[in-house]
């Protein structure tokens, strides 16, 4: 839960800093900030936060519109949104909930309530068994996407399959024969030992510095470093 990605959206820097200190004091460290609605939408689409603290009174795009836009996007339709509102904005609270916000906190807020509301939303997030993570790399087998340092990677079928297999079992050494067997679903070309080596070379290039985690075991095959060794 403490590794959850939380986006704080408020046009007042003092409020953002206050919430940042509060969350960090309670063990949350994976935080991003946005000062207007336009920036909030951009960060949400790229970063995919687990929870959004969203002020309603925002420049460029107001909070209610941000909520509506995020709920119309398949990638952000289920992202938990907690509205930050003034006590006098009862009608906006109702509208925000109708637009798909999950909860709200009124200003001035109680520190304990903020943390409790965030934890409550995180507990309700279903665990996605289709996702694998390794440091800053996230693989989604359902969507067949690979995200490294918040950037989508353009991988071929074979590159993705090899990377998935290695990340699924860090530290385990796979022979070239085992990797070949895993790629039999790729009917575009014959898979050989040489093909595997070429795929690894290309994969390392696309992964840039992260590619150093893929280790060549001489005369045997490949593995990705055990997380204990990173």
C-alpha atoms as a PDB file:
ATOM      1  CA  UNK A   1       0.000   0.000   0.000  1.00  0.00           C
ATOM      2  CA  UNK A   2       2.837   2.411   0.852  1.00  0.00           C
ATOM      3  CA  UNK A   3       4.243   1.936  -2.663  1.00  0.00           C
ATOM      4  CA  UNK A   4       1.034   3.310  -4.162  1.00  0.00           C
ATOM      5  CA  UNK A   5       1.321   6.181  -6.642  1.00  0.00           C
ATOM      6  CA  UNK A   6      -0.585   9.235  -5.424  1.00  0.00           C
ATOM      7  CA  UNK A   7      -1.226  12.372  -7.471  1.00  0.00           C
ATOM      8  CA  UNK A   8      -1.907  15.601  -5.568  1.00  0.00           C
ATOM      9  CA  UNK A   9      -3.779  18.213  -7.624  1.00  0.00           C
ATOM     10  CA  UNK A  10      -4.212  21.704  -6.170  1.00  0.00           C
ATOM     11  CA  UNK A  11      -3.433  25.170  -7.502  1.00  0.00           C
ATOM     12  CA  UNK A  12      -2.199  26.339  -4.078  1.00  0.00           C
ATOM     13  CA  UNK A  13       1.431  25.321  -3.561  1.00  0.00           C
ATOM     14  CA  UNK A  14       1.008  25.506   0.222  1.00  0.00           C
ATOM     15  CA  UNK A  15      -1.754  22.879   0.100  1.00  0.00           C
ATOM     16  CA  UNK A  16       0.310  20.634  -2.185  1.00  0.00           C
ATOM     17  CA  UNK A  17       3.307  20.899   0.127  1.00  0.00           C
ATOM     18  CA  UNK A  18       1.159  20.242   3.207  1.00  0.00           C
ATOM     19  CA  UNK A  19      -0.342  17.103   1.668  1.00  0.00           C
ATOM     20  CA  UNK A  20       3.067  15.976   0.466  1.00  0.00           C
ATOM     21  CA  UNK A  21       4.552  16.253   3.961  1.00  0.00           C
ATOM     22  CA  UNK A  22       1.523  14.517   5.469  1.00  0.00           C
ATOM     23  CA  UNK A  23       1.711  11.579   3.082  1.00  0.00           C
ATOM     24  CA  UNK A  24       5.473  11.203   3.423  1.00  0.00           C
ATOM     25  CA  UNK A  25       5.139  11.261   7.211  1.00  0.00           C
ATOM     26  CA  UNK A  26       2.747   8.305   6.884  1.00  0.00           C
ATOM     27  CA  UNK A  27       5.086   6.292   4.672  1.00  0.00           C
ATOM     28  CA  UNK A  28       3.858   7.262   1.201  1.00  0.00           C
ATOM     29  CA  UNK A  29       6.781   8.315  -0.986  1.00  0.00           C
ATOM     30  CA  UNK A  30       5.647   7.743  -4.587  1.00  0.00           C
ATOM     31  CA  UNK A  31       4.047  11.158  -5.102  1.00  0.00           C
ATOM     32  CA  UNK A  32       3.503  13.575  -7.992  1.00  0.00           C
ATOM     33  CA  UNK A  33       2.068  17.107  -8.005  1.00  0.00           C
ATOM     34  CA  UNK A  34      -0.082  19.101 -10.434  1.00  0.00           C
ATOM     35  CA  UNK A  35      -1.096  22.752 -10.166  1.00  0.00           C
ATOM     36  CA  UNK A  36      -3.884  22.829 -12.767  1.00  0.00           C
ATOM     37  CA  UNK A  37      -6.399  20.534 -14.438  1.00  0.00           C
ATOM     38  CA  UNK A  38      -4.544  20.273 -17.719  1.00  0.00           C
ATOM     39  CA  UNK A  39      -1.386  19.072 -15.998  1.00  0.00           C
ATOM     40  CA  UNK A  40      -3.409  16.661 -13.858  1.00  0.00           C
ATOM     41  CA  UNK A  41      -4.899  14.949 -16.909  1.00  0.00           C
ATOM     42  CA  UNK A  42      -1.506  14.657 -18.598  1.00  0.00           C
ATOM     43  CA  UNK A  43       0.202  13.155 -15.537  1.00  0.00           C
ATOM     44  CA  UNK A  44      -2.672  10.746 -14.925  1.00  0.00           C
ATOM     45  CA  UNK A  45      -2.590   9.391 -18.478  1.00  0.00           C
ATOM     46  CA  UNK A  46       1.199   8.976 -18.456  1.00  0.00           C
ATOM     47  CA  UNK A  47       1.839   7.948 -14.852  1.00  0.00           C
ATOM     48  CA  UNK A  48      -1.358   6.013 -14.030  1.00  0.00           C
ATOM     49  CA  UNK A  49      -1.602   6.930 -10.313  1.00  0.00           C
ATOM     50  CA  UNK A  50      -3.367   4.623  -7.864  1.00  0.00           C
ATOM     51  CA  UNK A  51      -5.209   7.499  -6.167  1.00  0.00           C
ATOM     52  CA  UNK A  52      -5.824  11.140  -7.119  1.00  0.00           C
ATOM     53  CA  UNK A  53      -6.427  13.924  -4.597  1.00  0.00           C
ATOM     54  CA  UNK A  54      -8.282  16.426  -6.775  1.00  0.00           C
ATOM     55  CA  UNK A  55      -9.122  20.010  -5.865  1.00  0.00           C
ATOM     56  CA  UNK A  56     -12.248  21.275  -7.631  1.00  0.00           C
ATOM     57  CA  UNK A  57     -11.199  24.921  -8.046  1.00  0.00           C
ATOM     58  CA  UNK A  58      -8.412  24.641 -10.630  1.00  0.00           C
ATOM     59  CA  UNK A  59      -7.098  26.895 -13.417  1.00  0.00           C
ATOM     60  CA  UNK A  60      -7.212  25.885 -17.115  1.00  0.00           C
ATOM     61  CA  UNK A  61      -9.542  22.912 -16.512  1.00  0.00           C
ATOM     62  CA  UNK A  62     -11.643  22.795 -13.341  1.00  0.00           C
ATOM     63  CA  UNK A  63     -11.750  19.719 -11.129  1.00  0.00           C
ATOM     64  CA  UNK A  64     -15.246  18.599 -12.119  1.00  0.00           C
ATOM     65  CA  UNK A  65     -14.283  18.641 -15.797  1.00  0.00           C
ATOM     66  CA  UNK A  66     -11.055  16.781 -15.000  1.00  0.00           C
ATOM     67  CA  UNK A  67     -13.114  14.105 -13.265  1.00  0.00           C
ATOM     68  CA  UNK A  68     -15.466  13.844 -16.252  1.00  0.00           C
ATOM     69  CA  UNK A  69     -12.563  13.557 -18.717  1.00  0.00           C
ATOM     70  CA  UNK A  70     -10.789  10.871 -16.676  1.00  0.00           C
ATOM     71  CA  UNK A  71     -13.966   8.835 -16.351  1.00  0.00           C
ATOM     72  CA  UNK A  72     -14.462   8.918 -20.138  1.00  0.00           C
ATOM     73  CA  UNK A  73     -10.974   7.482 -20.765  1.00  0.00           C
ATOM     74  CA  UNK A  74     -10.748   3.641 -20.624  1.00  0.00           C
ATOM     75  CA  UNK A  75      -7.261   3.871 -19.109  1.00  0.00           C
ATOM     76  CA  UNK A  76      -8.361   6.085 -16.207  1.00  0.00           C
ATOM     77  CA  UNK A  77     -12.019   5.161 -15.831  1.00  0.00           C
ATOM     78  CA  UNK A  78     -11.413   3.242 -12.589  1.00  0.00           C
ATOM     79  CA  UNK A  79      -8.671   5.397 -11.038  1.00  0.00           C
ATOM     80  CA  UNK A  80      -9.878   6.371  -7.531  1.00  0.00           C
ATOM     81  CA  UNK A  81     -10.533  10.116  -7.213  1.00  0.00           C
ATOM     82  CA  UNK A  82     -10.879  11.881  -3.865  1.00  0.00           C
ATOM     83  CA  UNK A  83     -12.178  15.433  -4.266  1.00  0.00           C
ATOM     84  CA  UNK A  84     -10.798  18.269  -2.154  1.00  0.00           C
ATOM     85  CA  UNK A  85     -13.595  20.789  -1.596  1.00  0.00           C
ATOM     86  CA  UNK A  86     -14.661  23.725   0.561  1.00  0.00           C
ATOM     87  CA  UNK A  87     -17.507  23.102   2.974  1.00  0.00           C
ATOM     88  CA  UNK A  88     -19.691  25.566   1.056  1.00  0.00           C
ATOM     89  CA  UNK A  89     -19.443  23.578  -2.204  1.00  0.00           C
ATOM     90  CA  UNK A  90     -22.149  21.014  -1.392  1.00  0.00           C
ATOM     91  CA  UNK A  91     -23.654  21.138  -4.887  1.00  0.00           C
ATOM     92  CA  UNK A  92     -20.206  20.566  -6.424  1.00  0.00           C
ATOM     93  CA  UNK A  93     -19.660  17.596  -4.119  1.00  0.00           C
ATOM     94  CA  UNK A  94     -22.899  16.005  -5.308  1.00  0.00           C
ATOM     95  CA  UNK A  95     -22.057  16.690  -8.952  1.00  0.00           C
ATOM     96  CA  UNK A  96     -18.538  15.345  -8.523  1.00  0.00           C
ATOM     97  CA  UNK A  97     -19.838  12.100  -7.045  1.00  0.00           C
ATOM     98  CA  UNK A  98     -22.331  11.807  -9.897  1.00  0.00           C
ATOM     99  CA  UNK A  99     -19.476  12.310 -12.395  1.00  0.00           C
ATOM    100  CA  UNK A 100     -17.627   9.367 -10.874  1.00  0.00           C
ATOM    101  CA  UNK A 101     -15.504  10.668  -7.991  1.00  0.00           C
ATOM    102  CA  UNK A 102     -15.078   8.038  -5.291  1.00  0.00           C
ATOM    103  CA  UNK A 103     -14.966  10.225  -2.189  1.00  0.00           C
ATOM    104  CA  UNK A 104     -14.436  13.777  -0.941  1.00  0.00           C
ATOM    105  CA  UNK A 105     -12.607  15.644   1.822  1.00  0.00           C
ATOM    106  CA  UNK A 106     -13.614  19.140   2.908  1.00  0.00           C
ATOM    107  CA  UNK A 107     -11.147  21.925   3.640  1.00  0.00           C
ATOM    108  CA  UNK A 108      -9.745  22.617   6.146  1.00  0.00           C
ATOM    109  CA  UNK A 109      -9.133  18.884   6.394  1.00  0.00           C
ATOM    110  CA  UNK A 110      -8.159  16.571   9.212  1.00  0.00           C
ATOM    111  CA  UNK A 111      -4.819  14.836   8.646  1.00  0.00           C
ATOM    112  CA  UNK A 112      -6.185  11.574  10.021  1.00  0.00           C
ATOM    113  CA  UNK A 113      -9.184  11.709   7.697  1.00  0.00           C
ATOM    114  CA  UNK A 114      -6.996  12.309   4.624  1.00  0.00           C
ATOM    115  CA  UNK A 115      -4.866   9.252   5.372  1.00  0.00           C
ATOM    116  CA  UNK A 116      -7.899   7.130   6.268  1.00  0.00           C
ATOM    117  CA  UNK A 117      -9.710   8.032   3.028  1.00  0.00           C
ATOM    118  CA  UNK A 118      -6.637   7.263   0.906  1.00  0.00           C
ATOM    119  CA  UNK A 119      -6.065   3.916   2.595  1.00  0.00           C
ATOM    120  CA  UNK A 120      -9.725   3.065   2.155  1.00  0.00           C
ATOM    121  CA  UNK A 121      -9.490   3.631  -1.609  1.00  0.00           C
ATOM    122  CA  UNK A 122      -6.285   1.623  -1.868  1.00  0.00           C
ATOM    123  CA  UNK A 123      -7.873  -1.323  -0.051  1.00  0.00           C
ATOM    124  CA  UNK A 124     -10.642  -1.390  -2.643  1.00  0.00           C
ATOM    125  CA  UNK A 125      -8.297  -1.611  -5.634  1.00  0.00           C
ATOM    126  CA  UNK A 126      -8.439  -5.183  -6.999  1.00  0.00           C
ATOM    127  CA  UNK A 127      -5.063  -6.873  -7.234  1.00  0.00           C
ATOM    128  CA  UNK A 128      -4.211  -7.209 -10.905  1.00  0.00           C
ATOM    129  CA  UNK A 129      -2.498 -10.583 -11.345  1.00  0.00           C
ATOM    130  CA  UNK A 130      -1.824  -9.655 -14.962  1.00  0.00           C
ATOM    131  CA  UNK A 131       0.847  -7.160 -13.951  1.00  0.00           C
ATOM    132  CA  UNK A 132       4.489  -7.832 -13.178  1.00  0.00           C
ATOM    133  CA  UNK A 133       6.937  -5.253 -11.879  1.00  0.00           C
ATOM    134  CA  UNK A 134      10.705  -5.197 -11.599  1.00  0.00           C
ATOM    135  CA  UNK A 135      12.140  -1.966 -10.233  1.00  0.00           C
ATOM    136  CA  UNK A 136      10.879   0.716 -12.674  1.00  0.00           C
ATOM    137  CA  UNK A 137       9.602  -1.790 -15.244  1.00  0.00           C
ATOM    138  CA  UNK A 138       5.916  -2.783 -15.382  1.00  0.00           C
ATOM    139  CA  UNK A 139       4.560  -5.504 -17.664  1.00  0.00           C
ATOM    140  CA  UNK A 140       0.830  -5.927 -18.260  1.00  0.00           C
ATOM    141  CA  UNK A 141       0.099  -9.288 -19.876  1.00  0.00           C
ATOM    142  CA  UNK A 142      -3.543  -8.483 -20.545  1.00  0.00           C
ATOM    143  CA  UNK A 143      -2.714  -5.322 -22.484  1.00  0.00           C
ATOM    144  CA  UNK A 144       0.696  -6.668 -23.581  1.00  0.00           C
ATOM    145  CA  UNK A 145       2.374  -3.419 -22.630  1.00  0.00           C
ATOM    146  CA  UNK A 146       5.785  -2.715 -21.146  1.00  0.00           C
ATOM    147  CA  UNK A 147       6.407   0.546 -19.299  1.00  0.00           C
ATOM    148  CA  UNK A 148       9.901   1.537 -18.181  1.00  0.00           C
ATOM    149  CA  UNK A 149      10.403   4.707 -16.154  1.00  0.00           C
ATOM    150  CA  UNK A 150       6.828   5.747 -17.113  1.00  0.00           C
ATOM    151  CA  UNK A 151       7.617   5.356 -20.845  1.00  0.00           C
ATOM    152  CA  UNK A 152       5.953   2.766 -23.098  1.00  0.00           C
ATOM    153  CA  UNK A 153       8.385   0.451 -24.882  1.00  0.00           C
ATOM    154  CA  UNK A 154       7.857  -0.627 -28.482  1.00  0.00           C
ATOM    155  CA  UNK A 155       8.622  -4.353 -28.253  1.00  0.00           C
ATOM    156  CA  UNK A 156       8.113  -7.126 -30.788  1.00  0.00           C
ATOM    157  CA  UNK A 157       6.180 -10.262 -29.885  1.00  0.00           C
ATOM    158  CA  UNK A 158       9.391 -12.201 -29.212  1.00  0.00           C
ATOM    159  CA  UNK A 159      11.056  -9.419 -27.235  1.00  0.00           C
ATOM    160  CA  UNK A 160       8.030  -9.065 -24.992  1.00  0.00           C
ATOM    161  CA  UNK A 161       7.741 -12.820 -24.399  1.00  0.00           C
ATOM    162  CA  UNK A 162      11.419 -13.134 -23.477  1.00  0.00           C
ATOM    163  CA  UNK A 163      11.285 -10.133 -21.158  1.00  0.00           C
ATOM    164  CA  UNK A 164       8.123 -11.395 -19.482  1.00  0.00           C
ATOM    165  CA  UNK A 165       9.612 -14.821 -18.840  1.00  0.00           C
ATOM    166  CA  UNK A 166      12.797 -13.369 -17.336  1.00  0.00           C
ATOM    167  CA  UNK A 167      10.973 -10.818 -15.160  1.00  0.00           C
ATOM    168  CA  UNK A 168       8.526 -13.450 -13.946  1.00  0.00           C
ATOM    169  CA  UNK A 169      11.394 -15.408 -12.411  1.00  0.00           C
ATOM    170  CA  UNK A 170      14.284 -13.091 -11.445  1.00  0.00           C
ATOM    171  CA  UNK A 171      17.542 -14.963 -10.925  1.00  0.00           C
ATOM    172  CA  UNK A 172      16.412 -18.057 -12.799  1.00  0.00           C
ATOM    173  CA  UNK A 173      18.615 -19.035 -15.725  1.00  0.00           C
ATOM    174  CA  UNK A 174      16.806 -19.995 -18.939  1.00  0.00           C
ATOM    175  CA  UNK A 175      18.611 -22.001 -21.576  1.00  0.00           C
ATOM    176  CA  UNK A 176      18.243 -20.978 -25.179  1.00  0.00           C
ATOM    177  CA  UNK A 177      16.182 -24.139 -25.744  1.00  0.00           C
ATOM    178  CA  UNK A 178      13.754 -23.106 -23.020  1.00  0.00           C
ATOM    179  CA  UNK A 179      13.402 -19.648 -24.508  1.00  0.00           C
ATOM    180  CA  UNK A 180      12.852 -21.177 -27.949  1.00  0.00           C
ATOM    181  CA  UNK A 181      10.070 -23.373 -26.549  1.00  0.00           C
ATOM    182  CA  UNK A 182       8.445 -20.302 -25.049  1.00  0.00           C
ATOM    183  CA  UNK A 183       8.432 -18.550 -28.447  1.00  0.00           C
ATOM    184  CA  UNK A 184       6.807 -21.308 -30.483  1.00  0.00           C
ATOM    185  CA  UNK A 185       3.642 -19.251 -30.614  1.00  0.00           C
ATOM    186  CA  UNK A 186       5.431 -16.791 -32.884  1.00  0.00           C
ATOM    187  CA  UNK A 187       4.797 -18.219 -36.368  1.00  0.00           C
ATOM    188  CA  UNK A 188       6.465 -15.473 -38.344  1.00  0.00           C
ATOM    189  CA  UNK A 189       9.869 -17.124 -38.498  1.00  0.00           C
ATOM    190  CA  UNK A 190      11.787 -20.157 -37.349  1.00  0.00           C
ATOM    191  CA  UNK A 191      13.163 -19.732 -33.840  1.00  0.00           C
ATOM    192  CA  UNK A 192      16.812 -20.764 -33.425  1.00  0.00           C
ATOM    193  CA  UNK A 193      19.598 -20.209 -30.911  1.00  0.00           C
ATOM    194  CA  UNK A 194      20.851 -17.386 -33.090  1.00  0.00           C
ATOM    195  CA  UNK A 195      17.352 -15.839 -33.131  1.00  0.00           C
ATOM    196  CA  UNK A 196      17.308 -15.779 -29.331  1.00  0.00           C
ATOM    197  CA  UNK A 197      20.687 -14.043 -29.184  1.00  0.00           C
ATOM    198  CA  UNK A 198      19.535 -11.408 -31.683  1.00  0.00           C
ATOM    199  CA  UNK A 199      16.326 -10.816 -29.718  1.00  0.00           C
ATOM    200  CA  UNK A 200      18.313 -10.332 -26.508  1.00  0.00           C
ATOM    201  CA  UNK A 201      20.630  -7.833 -28.215  1.00  0.00           C
ATOM    202  CA  UNK A 202      17.658  -5.849 -29.561  1.00  0.00           C
ATOM    203  CA  UNK A 203      15.865  -6.045 -26.223  1.00  0.00           C
ATOM    204  CA  UNK A 204      18.860  -4.680 -24.346  1.00  0.00           C
ATOM    205  CA  UNK A 205      19.089  -1.761 -26.759  1.00  0.00           C
ATOM    206  CA  UNK A 206      15.433  -0.842 -26.219  1.00  0.00           C
ATOM    207  CA  UNK A 207      15.812  -1.156 -22.453  1.00  0.00           C
ATOM    208  CA  UNK A 208      18.887   1.106 -22.482  1.00  0.00           C
ATOM    209  CA  UNK A 209      20.561   1.166 -19.030  1.00  0.00           C
ATOM    210  CA  UNK A 210      17.957  -1.222 -17.663  1.00  0.00           C
ATOM    211  CA  UNK A 211      19.196  -3.798 -20.200  1.00  0.00           C
ATOM    212  CA  UNK A 212      22.251  -4.385 -17.988  1.00  0.00           C
ATOM    213  CA  UNK A 213      19.941  -6.378 -15.698  1.00  0.00           C
ATOM    214  CA  UNK A 214      19.740  -9.111 -18.351  1.00  0.00           C
ATOM    215  CA  UNK A 215      22.764 -11.332 -17.766  1.00  0.00           C
ATOM    216  CA  UNK A 216      24.355 -13.706 -20.276  1.00  0.00           C
ATOM    217  CA  UNK A 217      25.248 -17.072 -18.758  1.00  0.00           C
ATOM    218  CA  UNK A 218      28.038 -18.278 -21.022  1.00  0.00           C
ATOM    219  CA  UNK A 219      27.246 -21.388 -23.089  1.00  0.00           C
ATOM    220  CA  UNK A 220      23.890 -21.745 -21.322  1.00  0.00           C
ATOM    221  CA  UNK A 221      21.447 -18.877 -21.774  1.00  0.00           C
ATOM    222  CA  UNK A 222      20.140 -15.809 -19.985  1.00  0.00           C
ATOM    223  CA  UNK A 223      18.608 -14.545 -16.762  1.00  0.00           C
ATOM    224  CA  UNK A 224      17.592 -11.272 -15.216  1.00  0.00           C
ATOM    225  CA  UNK A 225      19.332 -10.266 -11.998  1.00  0.00           C
ATOM    226  CA  UNK A 226      17.690 -11.344  -8.802  1.00  0.00           C
ATOM    227  CA  UNK A 227      16.090  -8.353  -7.078  1.00  0.00           C
ATOM    228  CA  UNK A 228      18.252  -9.060  -4.044  1.00  0.00           C
ATOM    229  CA  UNK A 229      21.309  -8.242  -6.179  1.00  0.00           C
ATOM    230  CA  UNK A 230      20.015  -4.828  -7.353  1.00  0.00           C
END
